[in-house]
Every structure is written in C-alpha cells, then in structure tokens.
Amino acid sequence: MAYTDPIHMPCPTMAGMENPSRELREKSLNTIKQLRNTLGLQRSQKQKPRPLTYTCTGRECLERWEL
C-alpha cells in the first residue's frame, strides 16, 4: 500500500496492516456483526437534530416560555 505522507503509515505494532486484505476485513466485520447480535449490543444511534425554539424580536431573542 502506498502512502503519500509518512504520518499515515501504520505503526510497526499493527501487524494486521502489514498486508491488508479485503476478504479478511469483510470477515472481521461479519464476526463483529455476529458478536453484536449474540450479545445484544447495538450500534450507537446518531442524535436527531432539535429545531431551535427561540424567537427573535427587534430587541432580543426570547425562549418560547418567555413570550
């Protein structure tokens, strides 16, 4: 694997990155998915954005309960 910047090279202790393989990566991802299903773990969900609840007048911005 070619690296354009030395900072992106894997550490010498990362033996799995010496010769990366797509098949091994897919097998690892499948194993993790099976473990999550077996142990009942779920991936973290992204938080839904909440709309802004304040209203701005000519002088100031007020929260909904201050109107």
PDB file of N, CA and C in Angstrom:
ATOM      1  N   MET A   1       0.843  -1.165   0.000  1.00  0.00           N
ATOM      2  CA  MET A   1       0.000   0.000   0.000  1.00  0.00           C
ATOM      3  C   MET A   1       0.894   1.234   0.000  1.00  0.00           C
ATOM      4  N   ALA A   2       0.635   2.178  -0.885  1.00  0.00           N
ATOM      5  CA  ALA A   2       1.454   3.384  -0.977  1.00  0.00           C
ATOM      6  C   ALA A   2       0.883   4.475  -0.077  1.00  0.00           C
ATOM      7  N   TYR A   3       1.759   5.176   0.605  1.00  0.00           N
ATOM      8  CA  TYR A   3       1.362   6.264   1.495  1.00  0.00           C
ATOM      9  C   TYR A   3       2.020   7.545   1.004  1.00  0.00           C
ATOM     10  N   THR A   4       1.216   8.592   0.893  1.00  0.00           N
ATOM     11  CA  THR A   4       1.756   9.858   0.412  1.00  0.00           C
ATOM     12  C   THR A   4       2.411  10.648   1.528  1.00  0.00           C
ATOM     13  N   ASP A   5       2.026  10.387   2.777  1.00  0.00           N
ATOM     14  CA  ASP A   5       2.562  11.116   3.917  1.00  0.00           C
ATOM     15  C   ASP A   5       2.992  10.091   4.964  1.00  0.00           C
ATOM     16  N   PRO A   6       4.203  10.185   5.494  1.00  0.00           N
ATOM     17  CA  PRO A   6       4.671   9.182   6.465  1.00  0.00           C
ATOM     18  C   PRO A   6       3.800   9.101   7.718  1.00  0.00           C
ATOM     19  N   ILE A   7       3.088  10.161   8.054  1.00  0.00           N
ATOM     20  CA  ILE A   7       2.261  10.124   9.260  1.00  0.00           C
ATOM     21  C   ILE A   7       1.091   9.153   9.095  1.00  0.00           C
ATOM     22  N   HIS A   8       0.727   8.813   7.858  1.00  0.00           N
ATOM     23  CA  HIS A   8      -0.383   7.900   7.612  1.00  0.00           C
ATOM     24  C   HIS A   8       0.048   6.439   7.547  1.00  0.00           C
ATOM     25  N   MET A   9       1.321   6.192   7.694  1.00  0.00           N
ATOM     26  CA  MET A   9       1.806   4.813   7.676  1.00  0.00           C
ATOM     27  C   MET A   9       1.409   4.111   8.975  1.00  0.00           C
ATOM     28  N   PRO A  10       1.085   2.818   8.922  1.00  0.00           N
ATOM     29  CA  PRO A  10       0.726   2.109  10.144  1.00  0.00           C
ATOM     30  C   PRO A  10       1.933   1.931  11.061  1.00  0.00           C
ATOM     31  N   CYS A  11       1.644   1.842  12.339  1.00  0.00           N
ATOM     32  CA  CYS A  11       2.702   1.612  13.327  1.00  0.00           C
ATOM     33  C   CYS A  11       3.281   0.218  13.141  1.00  0.00           C
ATOM     34  N   PRO A  12       4.537  -0.016  13.564  1.00  0.00           N
ATOM     35  CA  PRO A  12       5.122  -1.348  13.437  1.00  0.00           C
ATOM     36  C   PRO A  12       4.370  -2.395  14.265  1.00  0.00           C
ATOM     37  N   THR A  13       3.640  -1.961  15.297  1.00  0.00           N
ATOM     38  CA  THR A  13       2.910  -2.906  16.138  1.00  0.00           C
ATOM     39  C   THR A  13       1.576  -3.314  15.518  1.00  0.00           C
ATOM     40  N   MET A  14       1.199  -2.690  14.425  1.00  0.00           N
ATOM     41  CA  MET A  14      -0.065  -3.022  13.762  1.00  0.00           C
ATOM     42  C   MET A  14       0.193  -4.097  12.706  1.00  0.00           C
ATOM     43  N   ALA A  15       0.344  -5.311  13.147  1.00  0.00           N
ATOM     44  CA  ALA A  15       0.712  -6.401  12.246  1.00  0.00           C
ATOM     45  C   ALA A  15      -0.357  -6.661  11.195  1.00  0.00           C
ATOM     46  N   GLY A  16      -1.611  -6.409  11.512  1.00  0.00           N
ATOM     47  CA  GLY A  16      -2.688  -6.655  10.565  1.00  0.00           C
ATOM     48  C   GLY A  16      -2.665  -5.715   9.377  1.00  0.00           C
ATOM     49  N   MET A  17      -1.982  -4.591   9.505  1.00  0.00           N
ATOM     50  CA  MET A  17      -1.918  -3.633   8.413  1.00  0.00           C
ATOM     51  C   MET A  17      -0.696  -3.842   7.521  1.00  0.00           C
ATOM     52  N   GLU A  18       0.068  -4.860   7.818  1.00  0.00           N
ATOM     53  CA  GLU A  18       1.262  -5.135   7.026  1.00  0.00           C
ATOM     54  C   GLU A  18       0.889  -5.512   5.598  1.00  0.00           C
ATOM     55  N   ASN A  19      -0.084  -6.373   5.463  1.00  0.00           N
ATOM     56  CA  ASN A  19      -0.553  -6.820   4.164  1.00  0.00           C
ATOM     57  C   ASN A  19      -2.082  -6.884   4.222  1.00  0.00           C
ATOM     58  N   PRO A  20      -2.784  -5.727   4.142  1.00  0.00           N
ATOM     59  CA  PRO A  20      -4.232  -5.720   4.307  1.00  0.00           C
ATOM     60  C   PRO A  20      -4.937  -6.479   3.193  1.00  0.00           C
ATOM     61  N   SER A  21      -6.012  -7.133   3.565  1.00  0.00           N
ATOM     62  CA  SER A  21      -6.769  -7.927   2.618  1.00  0.00           C
ATOM     63  C   SER A  21      -8.248  -7.599   2.765  1.00  0.00           C
ATOM     64  N   ARG A  22      -8.923  -7.399   1.649  1.00  0.00           N
ATOM     65  CA  ARG A  22     -10.347  -7.081   1.674  1.00  0.00           C
ATOM     66  C   ARG A  22     -11.157  -8.237   2.266  1.00  0.00           C
ATOM     67  N   GLU A  23     -10.779  -9.471   1.941  1.00  0.00           N
ATOM     68  CA  GLU A  23     -11.503 -10.640   2.446  1.00  0.00           C
ATOM     69  C   GLU A  23     -11.408 -10.737   3.971  1.00  0.00           C
ATOM     70  N   LEU A  24     -10.212 -10.500   4.509  1.00  0.00           N
ATOM     71  CA  LEU A  24     -10.043 -10.562   5.961  1.00  0.00           C
ATOM     72  C   LEU A  24     -10.819  -9.444   6.653  1.00  0.00           C
ATOM     73  N   ARG A  25     -10.832  -8.256   6.048  1.00  0.00           N
ATOM     74  CA  ARG A  25     -11.568  -7.135   6.636  1.00  0.00           C
ATOM     75  C   ARG A  25     -13.072  -7.439   6.652  1.00  0.00           C
ATOM     76  N   GLU A  26     -13.594  -7.980   5.556  1.00  0.00           N
ATOM     77  CA  GLU A  26     -15.012  -8.322   5.497  1.00  0.00           C
ATOM     78  C   GLU A  26     -15.350  -9.429   6.494  1.00  0.00           C
ATOM     79  N   LYS A  27     -14.441 -10.399   6.649  1.00  0.00           N
ATOM     80  CA  LYS A  27     -14.655 -11.474   7.620  1.00  0.00           C
ATOM     81  C   LYS A  27     -14.677 -10.901   9.041  1.00  0.00           C
ATOM     82  N   SER A  28     -13.785  -9.965   9.336  1.00  0.00           N
ATOM     83  CA  SER A  28     -13.747  -9.346  10.661  1.00  0.00           C
ATOM     84  C   SER A  28     -15.023  -8.553  10.934  1.00  0.00           C
ATOM     85  N   LEU A  29     -15.478  -7.794   9.938  1.00  0.00           N
ATOM     86  CA  LEU A  29     -16.715  -7.029  10.104  1.00  0.00           C
ATOM     87  C   LEU A  29     -17.910  -7.950  10.323  1.00  0.00           C
ATOM     88  N   ASN A  30     -17.932  -9.078   9.630  1.00  0.00           N
ATOM     89  CA  ASN A  30     -19.016 -10.048   9.801  1.00  0.00           C
ATOM     90  C   ASN A  30     -18.962 -10.664  11.201  1.00  0.00           C
ATOM     91  N   THR A  31     -17.760 -10.947  11.694  1.00  0.00           N
ATOM     92  CA  THR A  31     -17.604 -11.504  13.038  1.00  0.00           C
ATOM     93  C   THR A  31     -18.095 -10.510  14.080  1.00  0.00           C
ATOM     94  N   ILE A  32     -17.760  -9.248  13.920  1.00  0.00           N
ATOM     95  CA  ILE A  32     -18.220  -8.222  14.853  1.00  0.00           C
ATOM     96  C   ILE A  32     -19.736  -8.120  14.815  1.00  0.00           C
ATOM     97  N   LYS A  33     -20.327  -8.179  13.624  1.00  0.00           N
ATOM     98  CA  LYS A  33     -21.787  -8.119  13.495  1.00  0.00           C
ATOM     99  C   LYS A  33     -22.441  -9.300  14.210  1.00  0.00           C
ATOM    100  N   GLN A  34     -21.875 -10.495  14.055  1.00  0.00           N
ATOM    101  CA  GLN A  34     -22.421 -11.683  14.726  1.00  0.00           C
ATOM    102  C   GLN A  34     -22.297 -11.553  16.241  1.00  0.00           C
ATOM    103  N   LEU A  35     -21.170 -11.046  16.737  1.00  0.00           N
ATOM    104  CA  LEU A  35     -20.998 -10.865  18.175  1.00  0.00           C
ATOM    105  C   LEU A  35     -21.998  -9.852  18.729  1.00  0.00           C
ATOM    106  N   ARG A  36     -22.225  -8.772  17.992  1.00  0.00           N
ATOM    107  CA  ARG A  36     -23.215  -7.781  18.439  1.00  0.00           C
ATOM    108  C   ARG A  36     -24.591  -8.408  18.545  1.00  0.00           C
ATOM    109  N   ASN A  37     -24.959  -9.230  17.549  1.00  0.00           N
ATOM    110  CA  ASN A  37     -26.263  -9.899  17.583  1.00  0.00           C
ATOM    111  C   ASN A  37     -26.342 -10.891  18.735  1.00  0.00           C
ATOM    112  N   THR A  38     -25.279 -11.648  18.959  1.00  0.00           N
ATOM    113  CA  THR A  38     -25.266 -12.661  20.012  1.00  0.00           C
ATOM    114  C   THR A  38     -25.337 -12.021  21.393  1.00  0.00           C
ATOM    115  N   LEU A  39     -24.583 -10.953  21.605  1.00  0.00           N
ATOM    116  CA  LEU A  39     -24.521 -10.317  22.914  1.00  0.00           C
ATOM    117  C   LEU A  39     -25.589  -9.249  23.119  1.00  0.00           C
ATOM    118  N   GLY A  40     -26.367  -8.970  22.088  1.00  0.00           N
ATOM    119  CA  GLY A  40     -27.428  -7.979  22.207  1.00  0.00           C
ATOM    120  C   GLY A  40     -26.932  -6.554  22.216  1.00  0.00           C
ATOM    121  N   LEU A  41     -25.761  -6.315  21.652  1.00  0.00           N
ATOM    122  CA  LEU A  41     -25.221  -4.960  21.596  1.00  0.00           C
ATOM    123  C   LEU A  41     -25.739  -4.267  20.344  1.00  0.00           C
ATOM    124  N   GLN A  42     -25.993  -2.981  20.460  1.00  0.00           N
ATOM    125  CA  GLN A  42     -26.462  -2.217  19.313  1.00  0.00           C
ATOM    126  C   GLN A  42     -25.485  -1.095  19.008  1.00  0.00           C
ATOM    127  N   ARG A  43     -25.432  -0.734  17.760  1.00  0.00           N
ATOM    128  CA  ARG A  43     -24.593   0.396  17.366  1.00  0.00           C
ATOM    129  C   ARG A  43     -25.209   1.666  17.918  1.00  0.00           C
ATOM    130  N   SER A  44     -24.387   2.638  18.237  1.00  0.00           N
ATOM    131  CA  SER A  44     -24.902   3.897  18.751  1.00  0.00           C
ATOM    132  C   SER A  44     -25.660   4.624  17.638  1.00  0.00           C
ATOM    133  N   GLN A  45     -26.773   5.215  18.007  1.00  0.00           N
ATOM    134  CA  GLN A  45     -27.602   5.932  17.059  1.00  0.00           C
ATOM    135  C   GLN A  45     -27.207   7.406  17.036  1.00  0.00           C
ATOM    136  N   LYS A  46     -27.248   8.003  15.875  1.00  0.00           N
ATOM    137  CA  LYS A  46     -26.967   9.424  15.771  1.00  0.00           C
ATOM    138  C   LYS A  46     -28.134  10.189  16.385  1.00  0.00           C
ATOM    139  N   GLN A  47     -27.818  11.249  17.087  1.00  0.00           N
ATOM    140  CA  GLN A  47     -28.865  12.068  17.675  1.00  0.00           C
ATOM    141  C   GLN A  47     -29.578  12.857  16.594  1.00  0.00           C
ATOM    142  N   LYS A  48     -30.893  12.951  16.762  1.00  0.00           N
ATOM    143  CA  LYS A  48     -31.675  13.729  15.819  1.00  0.00           C
ATOM    144  C   LYS A  48     -31.523  15.209  16.170  1.00  0.00           C
ATOM    145  N   PRO A  49     -31.348  16.044  15.180  1.00  0.00           N
ATOM    146  CA  PRO A  49     -31.214  17.471  15.480  1.00  0.00           C
ATOM    147  C   PRO A  49     -32.547  18.030  15.980  1.00  0.00           C
ATOM    148  N   ARG A  50     -32.452  18.874  16.986  1.00  0.00           N
ATOM    149  CA  ARG A  50     -33.649  19.514  17.524  1.00  0.00           C
ATOM    150  C   ARG A  50     -33.748  20.918  16.946  1.00  0.00           C
ATOM    151  N   PRO A  51     -34.939  21.316  16.524  1.00  0.00           N
ATOM    152  CA  PRO A  51     -35.077  22.662  15.956  1.00  0.00           C
ATOM    153  C   PRO A  51     -34.906  23.722  17.041  1.00  0.00           C
ATOM    154  N   LEU A  52     -34.501  24.894  16.616  1.00  0.00           N
ATOM    155  CA  LEU A  52     -34.348  25.999  17.549  1.00  0.00           C
ATOM    156  C   LEU A  52     -35.715  26.412  18.066  1.00  0.00           C
ATOM    157  N   THR A  53     -35.786  26.739  19.353  1.00  0.00           N
ATOM    158  CA  THR A  53     -37.084  27.035  19.945  1.00  0.00           C
ATOM    159  C   THR A  53     -37.215  28.482  20.359  1.00  0.00           C
ATOM    160  N   TYR A  54     -36.292  29.335  20.003  1.00  0.00           N
ATOM    161  CA  TYR A  54     -36.405  30.726  20.417  1.00  0.00           C
ATOM    162  C   TYR A  54     -36.909  31.588  19.260  1.00  0.00           C
ATOM    163  N   THR A  55     -37.434  32.745  19.626  1.00  0.00           N
ATOM    164  CA  THR A  55     -37.945  33.695  18.656  1.00  0.00           C
ATOM    165  C   THR A  55     -37.218  35.020  18.852  1.00  0.00           C
ATOM    166  N   CYS A  56     -36.748  35.578  17.776  1.00  0.00           N
ATOM    167  CA  CYS A  56     -36.037  36.851  17.865  1.00  0.00           C
ATOM    168  C   CYS A  56     -36.981  37.984  17.494  1.00  0.00           C
ATOM    169  N   THR A  57     -36.982  39.020  18.323  1.00  0.00           N
ATOM    170  CA  THR A  57     -37.738  40.238  18.041  1.00  0.00           C
ATOM    171  C   THR A  57     -36.744  41.306  17.598  1.00  0.00           C
ATOM    172  N   GLY A  58     -37.208  42.507  17.456  1.00  0.00           N
ATOM    173  CA  GLY A  58     -36.317  43.594  17.062  1.00  0.00           C
ATOM    174  C   GLY A  58     -35.297  43.927  18.134  1.00  0.00           C
ATOM    175  N   ARG A  59     -35.599  43.628  19.405  1.00  0.00           N
ATOM    176  CA  ARG A  59     -34.710  43.990  20.513  1.00  0.00           C
ATOM    177  C   ARG A  59     -33.884  42.815  21.041  1.00  0.00           C
ATOM    178  N   GLU A  60     -34.511  41.629  21.079  1.00  0.00           N
ATOM    179  CA  GLU A  60     -33.828  40.492  21.724  1.00  0.00           C
ATOM    180  C   GLU A  60     -34.384  39.168  21.223  1.00  0.00           C
ATOM    181  N   CYS A  61     -33.719  38.098  21.581  1.00  0.00           N
ATOM    182  CA  CYS A  61     -34.202  36.759  21.273  1.00  0.00           C
ATOM    183  C   CYS A  61     -34.748  36.145  22.549  1.00  0.00           C
ATOM    184  N   LEU A  62     -35.941  35.569  22.477  1.00  0.00           N
ATOM    185  CA  LEU A  62     -36.621  35.024  23.644  1.00  0.00           C
ATOM    186  C   LEU A  62     -36.899  33.551  23.464  1.00  0.00           C
ATOM    187  N   GLU A  63     -36.826  32.818  24.558  1.00  0.00           N
ATOM    188  CA  GLU A  63     -37.226  31.411  24.541  1.00  0.00           C
ATOM    189  C   GLU A  63     -38.745  31.333  24.431  1.00  0.00           C
ATOM    190  N   ARG A  64     -39.250  30.184  24.081  1.00  0.00           N
ATOM    191  CA  ARG A  64     -40.673  30.001  23.866  1.00  0.00           C
ATOM    192  C   ARG A  64     -41.481  30.349  25.126  1.00  0.00           C
ATOM    193  N   TRP A  65     -40.977  29.987  26.307  1.00  0.00           N
ATOM    194  CA  TRP A  65     -41.721  30.217  27.538  1.00  0.00           C
ATOM    195  C   TRP A  65     -41.625  31.680  28.015  1.00  0.00           C
ATOM    196  N   GLU A  66     -40.765  32.482  27.408  1.00  0.00           N
ATOM    197  CA  GLU A  66     -40.634  33.887  27.789  1.00  0.00           C
ATOM    198  C   GLU A  66     -41.556  34.801  26.976  1.00  0.00           C
ATOM    199  N   LEU A  67     -42.211  34.276  25.953  1.00  0.00           N
ATOM    200  CA  LEU A  67     -43.077  35.097  25.094  1.00  0.00           C
ATOM    201  C   LEU A  67     -44.356  35.471  25.789  1.00  0.00           C
TER     202      LEU A  67
END
